[in-house]
Amino acid sequence: MITCTALRWGAPGQPLTPAIDFTLEKGSLTGVIGPNGCGKSSLLKVIAGLQKPLAGKVVVEVARRGGLTFLPQQQQLDRQFPINLQELVAAGFWGARLSAAQRSERLQAVLEDWCLSGLELRPLMALSGGQLQRALLARMSLADSPVLLLDEPHAALDEEGQALCWNHIHAWHAEGRTVVVVCHDLASVRHHTQQVLQIKSNGCVFGSSKELIRPQPQMQVA
């Protein structure tokens, strides 16, 4: 489904890692981990076609139109843009062939599913960080893409929101979609994903989440 061959990415003349090769099979659920600045977000942008690689190639075996959906980090969104929450979420319908009634019914269901009912007319600048993140995830829920790339979907979410997020990720995976998640919460990645791509400055490691991420020791209470 996603094949990267001799791939290098980063700023011009400054590759973040040596050339790497990996394949993400159709219907897989993969976590991407590594320290800040190692290139996790940039890798997703390269796979999504939003950023050109420095070398090598990426092949994503999906239709060009609507085959891939990318969830960016929310700081890339202009909160001053004059739209409300409902309009932001409804952007997920791009390319969908639905009647007005079908759009309305599905939109209301998604808003309720992400605990956003009652916030439909609130402008972006009036949303909390968690509300905005759930709105971005709700927009993604409206896309029927077989490949989903999520950059820090946990951002700004409380414990309840994180659980809701992972429930949806598992639902998308159960539908047979290929899901790639960048996440700093190693315990969540270990628990929720099948496999992990660990990015390091001296190369990348690809393998089982359970094997590459050691469980965190429990804190002792005096």
N, C-alpha and C. Protein backbone atom coordinates (compact mmCIF):
# COMPACT_ATOMS: atom_id res chain seq x y z
N MET A 1 0.83 -1.21 0.00
CA MET A 1 0.00 0.00 0.00
C MET A 1 0.87 1.26 0.00
N ILE A 2 1.84 1.35 0.96
CA ILE A 2 2.78 2.47 1.00
C ILE A 2 4.20 1.90 0.98
N THR A 3 4.94 2.23 -0.06
CA THR A 3 6.31 1.72 -0.19
C THR A 3 7.28 2.88 -0.33
N CYS A 4 8.26 2.93 0.56
CA CYS A 4 9.30 3.96 0.50
C CYS A 4 10.63 3.28 0.18
N THR A 5 11.29 3.76 -0.86
CA THR A 5 12.53 3.15 -1.34
C THR A 5 13.66 4.17 -1.34
N ALA A 6 14.74 3.86 -0.63
CA ALA A 6 15.91 4.74 -0.53
C ALA A 6 15.49 6.17 -0.20
N LEU A 7 14.54 6.30 0.69
CA LEU A 7 13.94 7.59 0.99
C LEU A 7 14.79 8.42 1.94
N ARG A 8 14.97 9.69 1.57
CA ARG A 8 15.62 10.67 2.44
C ARG A 8 14.79 11.94 2.37
N TRP A 9 14.61 12.59 3.53
CA TRP A 9 13.80 13.80 3.55
C TRP A 9 14.37 14.77 4.57
N GLY A 10 13.93 16.02 4.48
CA GLY A 10 14.42 17.07 5.36
C GLY A 10 14.61 18.35 4.58
N ALA A 11 15.32 19.32 5.16
CA ALA A 11 15.62 20.57 4.46
C ALA A 11 16.62 20.30 3.35
N PRO A 12 16.62 21.12 2.29
CA PRO A 12 17.55 20.91 1.18
C PRO A 12 19.00 20.80 1.66
N GLY A 13 19.64 19.69 1.29
CA GLY A 13 21.02 19.45 1.68
C GLY A 13 21.21 18.99 3.11
N GLN A 14 20.10 18.80 3.83
CA GLN A 14 20.19 18.41 5.24
C GLN A 14 19.24 17.25 5.53
N PRO A 15 19.52 16.07 4.98
CA PRO A 15 18.64 14.92 5.25
C PRO A 15 18.62 14.58 6.73
N LEU A 16 17.45 14.21 7.22
CA LEU A 16 17.28 13.92 8.63
C LEU A 16 17.76 12.53 9.02
N THR A 17 17.79 11.62 8.05
CA THR A 17 18.25 10.25 8.31
C THR A 17 18.98 9.73 7.08
N PRO A 18 19.71 8.64 7.23
CA PRO A 18 20.23 7.96 6.04
C PRO A 18 19.05 7.44 5.21
N ALA A 19 19.32 7.01 4.00
CA ALA A 19 18.26 6.48 3.14
C ALA A 19 17.60 5.27 3.80
N ILE A 20 16.28 5.22 3.77
CA ILE A 20 15.57 4.11 4.40
C ILE A 20 14.59 3.46 3.42
N ASP A 21 14.30 2.20 3.68
CA ASP A 21 13.33 1.44 2.90
C ASP A 21 12.32 0.82 3.87
N PHE A 22 11.05 0.97 3.58
CA PHE A 22 10.04 0.27 4.37
C PHE A 22 8.73 0.20 3.58
N THR A 23 7.91 -0.76 3.96
CA THR A 23 6.61 -0.95 3.32
C THR A 23 5.54 -1.09 4.40
N LEU A 24 4.45 -0.35 4.24
CA LEU A 24 3.30 -0.46 5.13
C LEU A 24 2.20 -1.16 4.34
N GLU A 25 1.84 -2.34 4.80
CA GLU A 25 0.87 -3.15 4.08
C GLU A 25 -0.54 -2.56 4.17
N LYS A 26 -1.35 -2.91 3.21
CA LYS A 26 -2.75 -2.48 3.20
C LYS A 26 -3.45 -2.97 4.46
N GLY A 27 -4.18 -2.07 5.12
CA GLY A 27 -4.91 -2.43 6.32
C GLY A 27 -4.09 -2.47 7.59
N SER A 28 -2.86 -1.96 7.56
CA SER A 28 -2.00 -1.97 8.74
C SER A 28 -2.23 -0.72 9.59
N LEU A 29 -1.86 -0.82 10.85
CA LEU A 29 -1.93 0.30 11.79
C LEU A 29 -0.54 0.52 12.36
N THR A 30 0.08 1.64 11.99
CA THR A 30 1.49 1.88 12.30
C THR A 30 1.67 3.15 13.11
N GLY A 31 2.47 3.07 14.17
CA GLY A 31 2.85 4.24 14.93
C GLY A 31 4.21 4.74 14.46
N VAL A 32 4.39 6.05 14.46
CA VAL A 32 5.68 6.66 14.10
C VAL A 32 6.16 7.42 15.33
N ILE A 33 7.35 7.04 15.82
CA ILE A 33 7.88 7.63 17.05
C ILE A 33 9.30 8.13 16.83
N GLY A 34 9.77 8.93 17.78
CA GLY A 34 11.12 9.48 17.71
C GLY A 34 11.17 10.81 18.42
N PRO A 35 12.37 11.32 18.71
CA PRO A 35 12.50 12.59 19.44
C PRO A 35 12.03 13.78 18.62
N ASN A 36 11.81 14.89 19.30
CA ASN A 36 11.42 16.12 18.59
C ASN A 36 12.47 16.50 17.55
N GLY A 37 11.98 16.89 16.39
CA GLY A 37 12.89 17.34 15.33
C GLY A 37 13.49 16.24 14.49
N CYS A 38 13.08 14.98 14.73
CA CYS A 38 13.68 13.87 13.98
C CYS A 38 13.06 13.71 12.59
N GLY A 39 11.91 14.34 12.36
CA GLY A 39 11.32 14.28 11.03
C GLY A 39 10.04 13.47 10.91
N LYS A 40 9.34 13.24 12.02
CA LYS A 40 8.11 12.45 11.98
C LYS A 40 7.03 13.14 11.15
N SER A 41 6.78 14.42 11.45
CA SER A 41 5.76 15.17 10.72
C SER A 41 6.15 15.33 9.26
N SER A 42 7.42 15.59 9.03
CA SER A 42 7.89 15.76 7.65
C SER A 42 7.71 14.48 6.85
N LEU A 43 7.93 13.33 7.48
CA LEU A 43 7.74 12.06 6.79
C LEU A 43 6.30 11.90 6.34
N LEU A 44 5.34 12.23 7.21
CA LEU A 44 3.94 12.13 6.82
C LEU A 44 3.62 13.05 5.65
N LYS A 45 4.21 14.25 5.66
CA LYS A 45 3.98 15.19 4.56
C LYS A 45 4.56 14.66 3.25
N VAL A 46 5.71 13.99 3.35
CA VAL A 46 6.31 13.40 2.15
C VAL A 46 5.41 12.29 1.60
N ILE A 47 4.91 11.43 2.50
CA ILE A 47 4.02 10.35 2.06
C ILE A 47 2.74 10.92 1.46
N ALA A 48 2.25 12.02 2.04
CA ALA A 48 1.01 12.64 1.56
C ALA A 48 1.21 13.41 0.26
N GLY A 49 2.47 13.61 -0.14
CA GLY A 49 2.73 14.37 -1.35
C GLY A 49 2.75 15.87 -1.15
N LEU A 50 2.79 16.31 0.12
CA LEU A 50 2.81 17.74 0.43
C LEU A 50 4.22 18.30 0.50
N GLN A 51 5.19 17.41 0.55
CA GLN A 51 6.60 17.81 0.62
C GLN A 51 7.41 16.83 -0.23
N LYS A 52 8.34 17.37 -1.00
CA LYS A 52 9.14 16.51 -1.86
C LYS A 52 10.28 15.86 -1.09
N PRO A 53 10.57 14.59 -1.34
CA PRO A 53 11.71 13.95 -0.69
C PRO A 53 13.02 14.49 -1.26
N LEU A 54 14.08 14.35 -0.49
CA LEU A 54 15.40 14.77 -0.99
C LEU A 54 15.96 13.71 -1.93
N ALA A 55 15.59 12.47 -1.72
CA ALA A 55 16.05 11.36 -2.56
C ALA A 55 15.09 10.19 -2.38
N GLY A 56 15.16 9.25 -3.32
CA GLY A 56 14.31 8.08 -3.24
C GLY A 56 12.90 8.37 -3.71
N LYS A 57 11.99 7.44 -3.44
CA LYS A 57 10.63 7.64 -3.89
C LYS A 57 9.62 7.01 -2.93
N VAL A 58 8.41 7.51 -3.03
CA VAL A 58 7.29 7.01 -2.25
C VAL A 58 6.18 6.60 -3.21
N VAL A 59 5.68 5.39 -3.04
CA VAL A 59 4.56 4.92 -3.85
C VAL A 59 3.40 4.60 -2.91
N VAL A 60 2.28 5.29 -3.12
CA VAL A 60 1.06 5.05 -2.35
C VAL A 60 0.01 4.52 -3.32
N GLU A 61 -0.36 3.28 -3.14
CA GLU A 61 -1.24 2.61 -4.10
C GLU A 61 -2.71 2.90 -3.80
N VAL A 62 -3.12 4.14 -4.10
CA VAL A 62 -4.51 4.55 -3.95
C VAL A 62 -4.87 5.46 -5.11
N ALA A 63 -6.17 5.72 -5.25
CA ALA A 63 -6.61 6.65 -6.28
C ALA A 63 -6.10 8.04 -5.97
N ARG A 64 -5.77 8.80 -7.00
CA ARG A 64 -5.24 10.15 -6.78
C ARG A 64 -6.25 11.05 -6.09
N ARG A 65 -7.52 10.88 -6.43
CA ARG A 65 -8.57 11.73 -5.86
C ARG A 65 -9.23 11.03 -4.68
N GLY A 66 -9.05 11.58 -3.50
CA GLY A 66 -9.71 11.05 -2.33
C GLY A 66 -9.12 9.77 -1.76
N GLY A 67 -7.96 9.36 -2.24
CA GLY A 67 -7.38 8.11 -1.78
C GLY A 67 -6.63 8.23 -0.46
N LEU A 68 -6.29 9.46 -0.08
CA LEU A 68 -5.48 9.67 1.12
C LEU A 68 -5.97 10.92 1.84
N THR A 69 -6.07 10.83 3.16
CA THR A 69 -6.44 11.98 3.98
C THR A 69 -5.38 12.20 5.04
N PHE A 70 -4.98 13.47 5.20
CA PHE A 70 -3.89 13.84 6.11
C PHE A 70 -4.43 14.74 7.20
N LEU A 71 -4.17 14.39 8.46
CA LEU A 71 -4.53 15.24 9.60
C LEU A 71 -3.29 16.01 10.04
N PRO A 72 -3.25 17.33 9.79
CA PRO A 72 -2.08 18.12 10.20
C PRO A 72 -2.18 18.49 11.67
N GLN A 73 -1.09 18.99 12.23
CA GLN A 73 -1.13 19.53 13.58
C GLN A 73 -1.95 20.81 13.56
N GLN A 74 -2.71 21.03 14.63
CA GLN A 74 -3.68 22.13 14.61
C GLN A 74 -3.05 23.51 14.54
N GLN A 75 -1.76 23.64 14.93
CA GLN A 75 -1.13 24.96 14.85
C GLN A 75 -0.94 25.42 13.41
N GLN A 76 -1.11 24.49 12.47
CA GLN A 76 -1.01 24.87 11.06
C GLN A 76 -2.31 25.48 10.54
N LEU A 77 -3.34 25.48 11.37
CA LEU A 77 -4.63 26.03 10.98
C LEU A 77 -4.73 27.49 11.41
N ASP A 78 -5.23 28.35 10.53
CA ASP A 78 -5.41 29.77 10.85
C ASP A 78 -6.72 29.95 11.61
N ARG A 79 -6.62 30.18 12.91
CA ARG A 79 -7.82 30.33 13.73
C ARG A 79 -8.59 31.62 13.40
N GLN A 80 -7.95 32.55 12.71
CA GLN A 80 -8.61 33.79 12.34
C GLN A 80 -9.48 33.64 11.08
N PHE A 81 -9.35 32.50 10.42
CA PHE A 81 -10.12 32.29 9.19
C PHE A 81 -11.61 32.33 9.54
N PRO A 82 -12.41 33.10 8.81
CA PRO A 82 -13.81 33.34 9.19
C PRO A 82 -14.77 32.20 8.86
N ILE A 83 -14.59 31.06 9.49
CA ILE A 83 -15.54 29.96 9.37
C ILE A 83 -15.85 29.44 10.77
N ASN A 84 -16.97 28.73 10.88
CA ASN A 84 -17.31 28.16 12.17
C ASN A 84 -16.97 26.67 12.20
N LEU A 85 -17.21 26.06 13.35
CA LEU A 85 -16.84 24.65 13.53
C LEU A 85 -17.53 23.75 12.51
N GLN A 86 -18.81 23.98 12.29
CA GLN A 86 -19.56 23.13 11.37
C GLN A 86 -18.99 23.21 9.96
N GLU A 87 -18.60 24.39 9.53
CA GLU A 87 -18.03 24.56 8.19
C GLU A 87 -16.67 23.88 8.09
N LEU A 88 -15.90 23.94 9.18
CA LEU A 88 -14.60 23.26 9.19
C LEU A 88 -14.79 21.75 9.03
N VAL A 89 -15.69 21.18 9.82
CA VAL A 89 -15.93 19.74 9.76
C VAL A 89 -16.47 19.33 8.40
N ALA A 90 -17.40 20.12 7.86
CA ALA A 90 -18.05 19.80 6.58
C ALA A 90 -17.07 19.79 5.41
N ALA A 91 -15.88 20.39 5.60
CA ALA A 91 -14.87 20.34 4.54
C ALA A 91 -14.43 18.91 4.26
N GLY A 92 -14.70 18.01 5.19
CA GLY A 92 -14.38 16.60 4.98
C GLY A 92 -15.20 15.95 3.89
N PHE A 93 -16.26 16.62 3.45
CA PHE A 93 -17.09 16.09 2.38
C PHE A 93 -16.48 16.30 0.99
N TRP A 94 -15.32 16.95 0.92
CA TRP A 94 -14.74 17.30 -0.37
C TRP A 94 -14.70 16.07 -1.28
N GLY A 95 -15.29 16.23 -2.45
CA GLY A 95 -15.29 15.16 -3.44
C GLY A 95 -16.38 14.12 -3.27
N ALA A 96 -17.14 14.18 -2.17
CA ALA A 96 -18.19 13.19 -1.92
C ALA A 96 -19.43 13.49 -2.75
N ARG A 97 -20.04 12.46 -3.26
CA ARG A 97 -21.26 12.61 -4.06
C ARG A 97 -22.45 12.23 -3.20
N LEU A 98 -22.94 13.21 -2.45
CA LEU A 98 -24.06 13.00 -1.55
C LEU A 98 -25.09 14.09 -1.75
N SER A 99 -26.33 13.77 -1.47
CA SER A 99 -27.39 14.77 -1.54
C SER A 99 -27.28 15.69 -0.33
N ALA A 100 -27.98 16.82 -0.39
CA ALA A 100 -27.96 17.76 0.73
C ALA A 100 -28.47 17.09 2.01
N ALA A 101 -29.50 16.27 1.86
CA ALA A 101 -30.07 15.58 3.02
C ALA A 101 -29.08 14.57 3.60
N GLN A 102 -28.39 13.86 2.74
CA GLN A 102 -27.40 12.89 3.20
C GLN A 102 -26.24 13.58 3.91
N ARG A 103 -25.81 14.72 3.36
CA ARG A 103 -24.73 15.48 3.99
C ARG A 103 -25.13 15.96 5.38
N SER A 104 -26.33 16.49 5.48
CA SER A 104 -26.81 17.02 6.75
C SER A 104 -26.91 15.91 7.79
N GLU A 105 -27.45 14.77 7.40
CA GLU A 105 -27.61 13.66 8.34
C GLU A 105 -26.26 13.13 8.81
N ARG A 106 -25.35 12.96 7.87
CA ARG A 106 -24.04 12.42 8.23
C ARG A 106 -23.24 13.42 9.06
N LEU A 107 -23.35 14.71 8.72
CA LEU A 107 -22.62 15.73 9.47
C LEU A 107 -23.09 15.77 10.92
N GLN A 108 -24.40 15.74 11.14
CA GLN A 108 -24.92 15.78 12.50
C GLN A 108 -24.48 14.55 13.30
N ALA A 109 -24.45 13.39 12.62
CA ALA A 109 -24.02 12.16 13.30
C ALA A 109 -22.56 12.25 13.72
N VAL A 110 -21.71 12.80 12.85
CA VAL A 110 -20.29 12.91 13.15
C VAL A 110 -20.05 13.92 14.27
N LEU A 111 -20.77 15.04 14.25
CA LEU A 111 -20.62 16.03 15.31
C LEU A 111 -21.01 15.44 16.67
N GLU A 112 -22.07 14.67 16.67
CA GLU A 112 -22.49 14.02 17.92
C GLU A 112 -21.47 12.97 18.36
N ASP A 113 -20.94 12.25 17.37
CA ASP A 113 -19.98 11.19 17.66
C ASP A 113 -18.72 11.73 18.31
N TRP A 114 -18.33 12.95 17.94
CA TRP A 114 -17.12 13.56 18.50
C TRP A 114 -17.43 14.55 19.60
N CYS A 115 -18.65 14.48 20.15
CA CYS A 115 -19.06 15.33 21.28
C CYS A 115 -18.94 16.82 20.96
N LEU A 116 -19.41 17.20 19.76
CA LEU A 116 -19.32 18.58 19.29
C LEU A 116 -20.69 19.21 19.07
N SER A 117 -21.75 18.47 19.37
CA SER A 117 -23.10 19.01 19.19
C SER A 117 -23.29 20.25 20.07
N GLY A 118 -23.88 21.29 19.49
CA GLY A 118 -24.08 22.54 20.20
C GLY A 118 -23.00 23.56 19.95
N LEU A 119 -21.92 23.13 19.30
CA LEU A 119 -20.81 24.03 19.01
C LEU A 119 -20.74 24.39 17.53
N GLU A 120 -21.75 23.99 16.76
CA GLU A 120 -21.70 24.11 15.31
C GLU A 120 -21.38 25.51 14.80
N LEU A 121 -21.95 26.54 15.43
CA LEU A 121 -21.81 27.91 14.93
C LEU A 121 -20.69 28.69 15.61
N ARG A 122 -19.93 28.01 16.45
CA ARG A 122 -18.85 28.69 17.16
C ARG A 122 -17.66 28.91 16.22
N PRO A 123 -17.14 30.16 16.12
CA PRO A 123 -15.98 30.41 15.25
C PRO A 123 -14.74 29.71 15.77
N LEU A 124 -13.79 29.48 14.87
CA LEU A 124 -12.58 28.74 15.25
C LEU A 124 -11.84 29.40 16.40
N MET A 125 -11.78 30.72 16.40
CA MET A 125 -11.02 31.42 17.42
C MET A 125 -11.65 31.28 18.81
N ALA A 126 -12.92 30.85 18.87
CA ALA A 126 -13.60 30.69 20.15
C ALA A 126 -13.56 29.26 20.67
N LEU A 127 -12.89 28.36 19.94
CA LEU A 127 -12.82 26.96 20.35
C LEU A 127 -11.61 26.73 21.26
N SER A 128 -11.77 25.82 22.20
CA SER A 128 -10.62 25.40 23.00
C SER A 128 -9.73 24.51 22.14
N GLY A 129 -8.53 24.23 22.62
CA GLY A 129 -7.64 23.37 21.86
C GLY A 129 -8.22 21.98 21.65
N GLY A 130 -8.86 21.44 22.69
CA GLY A 130 -9.45 20.12 22.58
C GLY A 130 -10.63 20.10 21.63
N GLN A 131 -11.46 21.14 21.66
CA GLN A 131 -12.60 21.22 20.75
C GLN A 131 -12.15 21.32 19.29
N LEU A 132 -11.12 22.12 19.07
CA LEU A 132 -10.59 22.25 17.71
C LEU A 132 -10.01 20.93 17.22
N GLN A 133 -9.31 20.21 18.11
CA GLN A 133 -8.72 18.93 17.70
C GLN A 133 -9.81 17.93 17.36
N ARG A 134 -10.85 17.87 18.16
CA ARG A 134 -11.95 16.95 17.86
C ARG A 134 -12.66 17.34 16.57
N ALA A 135 -12.72 18.65 16.29
CA ALA A 135 -13.32 19.09 15.03
C ALA A 135 -12.48 18.63 13.83
N LEU A 136 -11.16 18.72 13.96
CA LEU A 136 -10.29 18.26 12.87
C LEU A 136 -10.42 16.75 12.67
N LEU A 137 -10.55 16.02 13.76
CA LEU A 137 -10.73 14.57 13.67
C LEU A 137 -12.11 14.24 13.10
N ALA A 138 -13.12 15.03 13.46
CA ALA A 138 -14.46 14.82 12.91
C ALA A 138 -14.46 15.06 11.40
N ARG A 139 -13.72 16.08 10.96
CA ARG A 139 -13.58 16.32 9.52
C ARG A 139 -12.98 15.11 8.83
N MET A 140 -12.01 14.49 9.48
CA MET A 140 -11.38 13.31 8.91
C MET A 140 -12.37 12.15 8.85
N SER A 141 -13.29 12.09 9.81
CA SER A 141 -14.27 11.01 9.84
C SER A 141 -15.19 11.02 8.62
N LEU A 142 -15.34 12.20 8.01
CA LEU A 142 -16.23 12.31 6.85
C LEU A 142 -15.56 11.83 5.56
N ALA A 143 -14.25 11.65 5.60
CA ALA A 143 -13.53 11.18 4.41
C ALA A 143 -13.57 9.66 4.36
N ASP A 144 -13.71 9.12 3.18
CA ASP A 144 -13.74 7.66 2.99
C ASP A 144 -12.42 7.13 2.45
N SER A 145 -11.35 7.86 2.69
CA SER A 145 -10.05 7.49 2.13
C SER A 145 -9.54 6.17 2.70
N PRO A 146 -8.93 5.33 1.86
CA PRO A 146 -8.36 4.07 2.35
C PRO A 146 -7.05 4.26 3.11
N VAL A 147 -6.41 5.44 2.98
CA VAL A 147 -5.17 5.73 3.70
C VAL A 147 -5.38 6.98 4.55
N LEU A 148 -5.09 6.84 5.85
CA LEU A 148 -5.23 7.95 6.79
C LEU A 148 -3.89 8.21 7.47
N LEU A 149 -3.41 9.45 7.39
CA LEU A 149 -2.17 9.86 8.03
C LEU A 149 -2.49 10.88 9.11
N LEU A 150 -2.19 10.55 10.36
CA LEU A 150 -2.55 11.40 11.49
C LEU A 150 -1.30 11.90 12.19
N ASP A 151 -1.13 13.23 12.20
CA ASP A 151 0.02 13.84 12.86
C ASP A 151 -0.39 14.36 14.23
N GLU A 152 0.03 13.68 15.27
CA GLU A 152 -0.26 14.04 16.65
C GLU A 152 -1.77 14.20 16.92
N PRO A 153 -2.56 13.17 16.66
CA PRO A 153 -4.01 13.27 16.91
C PRO A 153 -4.35 13.48 18.38
N HIS A 154 -3.41 13.14 19.30
CA HIS A 154 -3.64 13.32 20.73
C HIS A 154 -3.59 14.78 21.17
N ALA A 155 -3.01 15.64 20.35
CA ALA A 155 -2.71 17.01 20.76
C ALA A 155 -3.92 17.71 21.37
N ALA A 156 -3.73 18.28 22.56
CA ALA A 156 -4.73 19.09 23.25
C ALA A 156 -5.93 18.30 23.77
N LEU A 157 -5.93 16.99 23.63
CA LEU A 157 -7.07 16.20 24.09
C LEU A 157 -6.87 15.75 25.53
N ASP A 158 -7.96 15.77 26.30
CA ASP A 158 -7.91 15.23 27.66
C ASP A 158 -8.02 13.72 27.59
N GLU A 159 -8.03 13.07 28.75
CA GLU A 159 -8.05 11.61 28.78
C GLU A 159 -9.26 11.03 28.05
N GLU A 160 -10.41 11.66 28.24
CA GLU A 160 -11.62 11.18 27.56
C GLU A 160 -11.51 11.36 26.05
N GLY A 161 -10.97 12.50 25.64
CA GLY A 161 -10.80 12.76 24.22
C GLY A 161 -9.80 11.81 23.57
N GLN A 162 -8.74 11.47 24.30
CA GLN A 162 -7.76 10.53 23.77
C GLN A 162 -8.38 9.15 23.57
N ALA A 163 -9.19 8.72 24.53
CA ALA A 163 -9.86 7.43 24.40
C ALA A 163 -10.80 7.43 23.20
N LEU A 164 -11.52 8.54 23.01
CA LEU A 164 -12.41 8.68 21.86
C LEU A 164 -11.62 8.61 20.56
N CYS A 165 -10.47 9.28 20.54
CA CYS A 165 -9.61 9.29 19.36
C CYS A 165 -9.16 7.88 19.00
N TRP A 166 -8.65 7.13 19.98
CA TRP A 166 -8.17 5.77 19.69
C TRP A 166 -9.31 4.84 19.30
N ASN A 167 -10.50 5.06 19.86
CA ASN A 167 -11.65 4.24 19.47
C ASN A 167 -11.94 4.41 17.98
N HIS A 168 -11.84 5.64 17.51
CA HIS A 168 -12.08 5.89 16.08
C HIS A 168 -10.96 5.33 15.22
N ILE A 169 -9.72 5.47 15.70
CA ILE A 169 -8.60 4.91 14.95
C ILE A 169 -8.76 3.41 14.78
N HIS A 170 -9.17 2.73 15.84
CA HIS A 170 -9.39 1.29 15.75
C HIS A 170 -10.56 0.96 14.84
N ALA A 171 -11.58 1.80 14.85
CA ALA A 171 -12.72 1.57 13.95
C ALA A 171 -12.30 1.72 12.50
N TRP A 172 -11.49 2.75 12.20
CA TRP A 172 -10.99 2.92 10.83
C TRP A 172 -10.13 1.74 10.42
N HIS A 173 -9.30 1.29 11.33
CA HIS A 173 -8.45 0.14 11.04
C HIS A 173 -9.29 -1.11 10.80
N ALA A 174 -10.35 -1.29 11.59
CA ALA A 174 -11.22 -2.46 11.43
C ALA A 174 -11.94 -2.44 10.08
N GLU A 175 -12.09 -1.26 9.49
CA GLU A 175 -12.71 -1.14 8.17
C GLU A 175 -11.75 -1.53 7.05
N GLY A 176 -10.50 -1.83 7.42
CA GLY A 176 -9.51 -2.23 6.42
C GLY A 176 -8.67 -1.09 5.89
N ARG A 177 -8.75 0.05 6.54
CA ARG A 177 -7.95 1.19 6.08
C ARG A 177 -6.51 1.06 6.59
N THR A 178 -5.62 1.73 5.88
CA THR A 178 -4.22 1.80 6.29
C THR A 178 -4.05 3.09 7.09
N VAL A 179 -3.65 2.95 8.36
CA VAL A 179 -3.59 4.10 9.26
C VAL A 179 -2.16 4.27 9.78
N VAL A 180 -1.65 5.50 9.70
CA VAL A 180 -0.32 5.84 10.20
C VAL A 180 -0.48 6.97 11.21
N VAL A 181 0.05 6.78 12.42
CA VAL A 181 -0.15 7.74 13.51
C VAL A 181 1.18 8.19 14.08
N VAL A 182 1.46 9.48 14.02
CA VAL A 182 2.60 10.06 14.73
C VAL A 182 2.14 10.39 16.14
N CYS A 183 2.86 9.89 17.13
CA CYS A 183 2.43 10.09 18.52
C CYS A 183 3.63 10.05 19.46
N HIS A 184 3.65 10.98 20.44
CA HIS A 184 4.73 11.01 21.43
C HIS A 184 4.44 10.13 22.64
N ASP A 185 3.19 9.72 22.80
CA ASP A 185 2.80 8.90 23.93
C ASP A 185 3.15 7.45 23.64
N LEU A 186 4.34 7.03 24.09
CA LEU A 186 4.83 5.70 23.76
C LEU A 186 3.95 4.60 24.33
N ALA A 187 3.39 4.81 25.51
CA ALA A 187 2.52 3.79 26.10
C ALA A 187 1.29 3.57 25.23
N SER A 188 0.73 4.65 24.69
CA SER A 188 -0.44 4.53 23.81
C SER A 188 -0.07 3.83 22.51
N VAL A 189 1.08 4.18 21.95
CA VAL A 189 1.52 3.55 20.70
C VAL A 189 1.74 2.05 20.92
N ARG A 190 2.36 1.71 22.01
CA ARG A 190 2.61 0.29 22.31
C ARG A 190 1.31 -0.48 22.47
N HIS A 191 0.34 0.15 23.13
CA HIS A 191 -0.92 -0.52 23.42
C HIS A 191 -1.85 -0.61 22.21
N HIS A 192 -1.83 0.43 21.37
CA HIS A 192 -2.86 0.55 20.34
C HIS A 192 -2.43 0.18 18.93
N THR A 193 -1.13 0.15 18.65
CA THR A 193 -0.71 -0.10 17.27
C THR A 193 -0.08 -1.49 17.11
N GLN A 194 -0.05 -1.96 15.87
CA GLN A 194 0.55 -3.26 15.56
C GLN A 194 2.06 -3.17 15.42
N GLN A 195 2.49 -2.11 14.75
CA GLN A 195 3.89 -1.97 14.38
C GLN A 195 4.30 -0.52 14.52
N VAL A 196 5.61 -0.30 14.57
CA VAL A 196 6.10 1.05 14.78
C VAL A 196 7.32 1.31 13.91
N LEU A 197 7.39 2.55 13.44
CA LEU A 197 8.58 3.05 12.74
C LEU A 197 9.25 4.04 13.68
N GLN A 198 10.43 3.68 14.15
CA GLN A 198 11.17 4.54 15.07
C GLN A 198 12.24 5.28 14.28
N ILE A 199 12.14 6.60 14.28
CA ILE A 199 13.06 7.42 13.50
C ILE A 199 14.20 7.90 14.39
N LYS A 200 15.43 7.66 13.93
CA LYS A 200 16.62 8.11 14.63
C LYS A 200 17.53 8.83 13.64
N SER A 201 18.45 9.64 14.17
CA SER A 201 19.35 10.38 13.29
C SER A 201 20.29 9.46 12.52
N ASN A 202 20.56 8.29 13.09
CA ASN A 202 21.48 7.35 12.42
C ASN A 202 20.74 6.26 11.66
N GLY A 203 19.44 6.42 11.48
CA GLY A 203 18.67 5.44 10.73
C GLY A 203 17.30 5.23 11.35
N CYS A 204 16.55 4.30 10.81
CA CYS A 204 15.21 4.02 11.30
C CYS A 204 15.07 2.53 11.58
N VAL A 205 14.23 2.22 12.57
CA VAL A 205 13.96 0.84 12.94
C VAL A 205 12.47 0.58 12.74
N PHE A 206 12.15 -0.52 12.09
CA PHE A 206 10.76 -0.86 11.82
C PHE A 206 10.48 -2.25 12.39
N GLY A 207 9.42 -2.35 13.20
CA GLY A 207 9.11 -3.66 13.78
C GLY A 207 7.89 -3.63 14.66
N SER A 208 7.72 -4.67 15.45
CA SER A 208 6.57 -4.81 16.33
C SER A 208 6.57 -3.74 17.43
N SER A 209 5.42 -3.14 17.68
CA SER A 209 5.31 -2.13 18.73
C SER A 209 5.66 -2.71 20.10
N LYS A 210 5.22 -3.93 20.34
CA LYS A 210 5.47 -4.57 21.64
C LYS A 210 6.96 -4.84 21.85
N GLU A 211 7.69 -5.09 20.77
CA GLU A 211 9.11 -5.41 20.89
C GLU A 211 9.99 -4.16 20.95
N LEU A 212 9.60 -3.12 20.23
CA LEU A 212 10.44 -1.92 20.14
C LEU A 212 10.18 -0.91 21.25
N ILE A 213 8.99 -0.97 21.86
CA ILE A 213 8.67 -0.04 22.94
C ILE A 213 8.53 -0.82 24.23
N ARG A 214 9.41 -0.57 25.16
CA ARG A 214 9.36 -1.26 26.44
C ARG A 214 8.27 -0.64 27.32
N PRO A 215 7.55 -1.46 28.09
CA PRO A 215 6.51 -0.92 28.98
C PRO A 215 7.15 -0.02 30.04
N GLN A 216 6.43 1.08 30.36
CA GLN A 216 6.94 2.01 31.34
C GLN A 216 6.75 1.44 32.75
N PRO A 217 7.77 1.57 33.63
CA PRO A 217 7.62 1.07 35.01
C PRO A 217 6.56 1.84 35.77
N GLN A 218 5.84 1.15 36.62
CA GLN A 218 4.80 1.78 37.43
C GLN A 218 5.45 2.60 38.54
N MET A 219 4.85 3.80 38.80
CA MET A 219 5.36 4.65 39.87
C MET A 219 4.96 4.07 41.22
N GLN A 220 5.91 4.07 42.16
CA GLN A 220 5.65 3.57 43.50
C GLN A 220 5.08 4.69 44.38
N VAL A 221 4.03 4.38 45.09
CA VAL A 221 3.41 5.35 45.98
C VAL A 221 3.84 5.06 47.42
N ALA A 222 4.45 6.02 48.06
CA ALA A 222 4.96 5.82 49.43
C ALA A 222 3.81 5.73 50.42
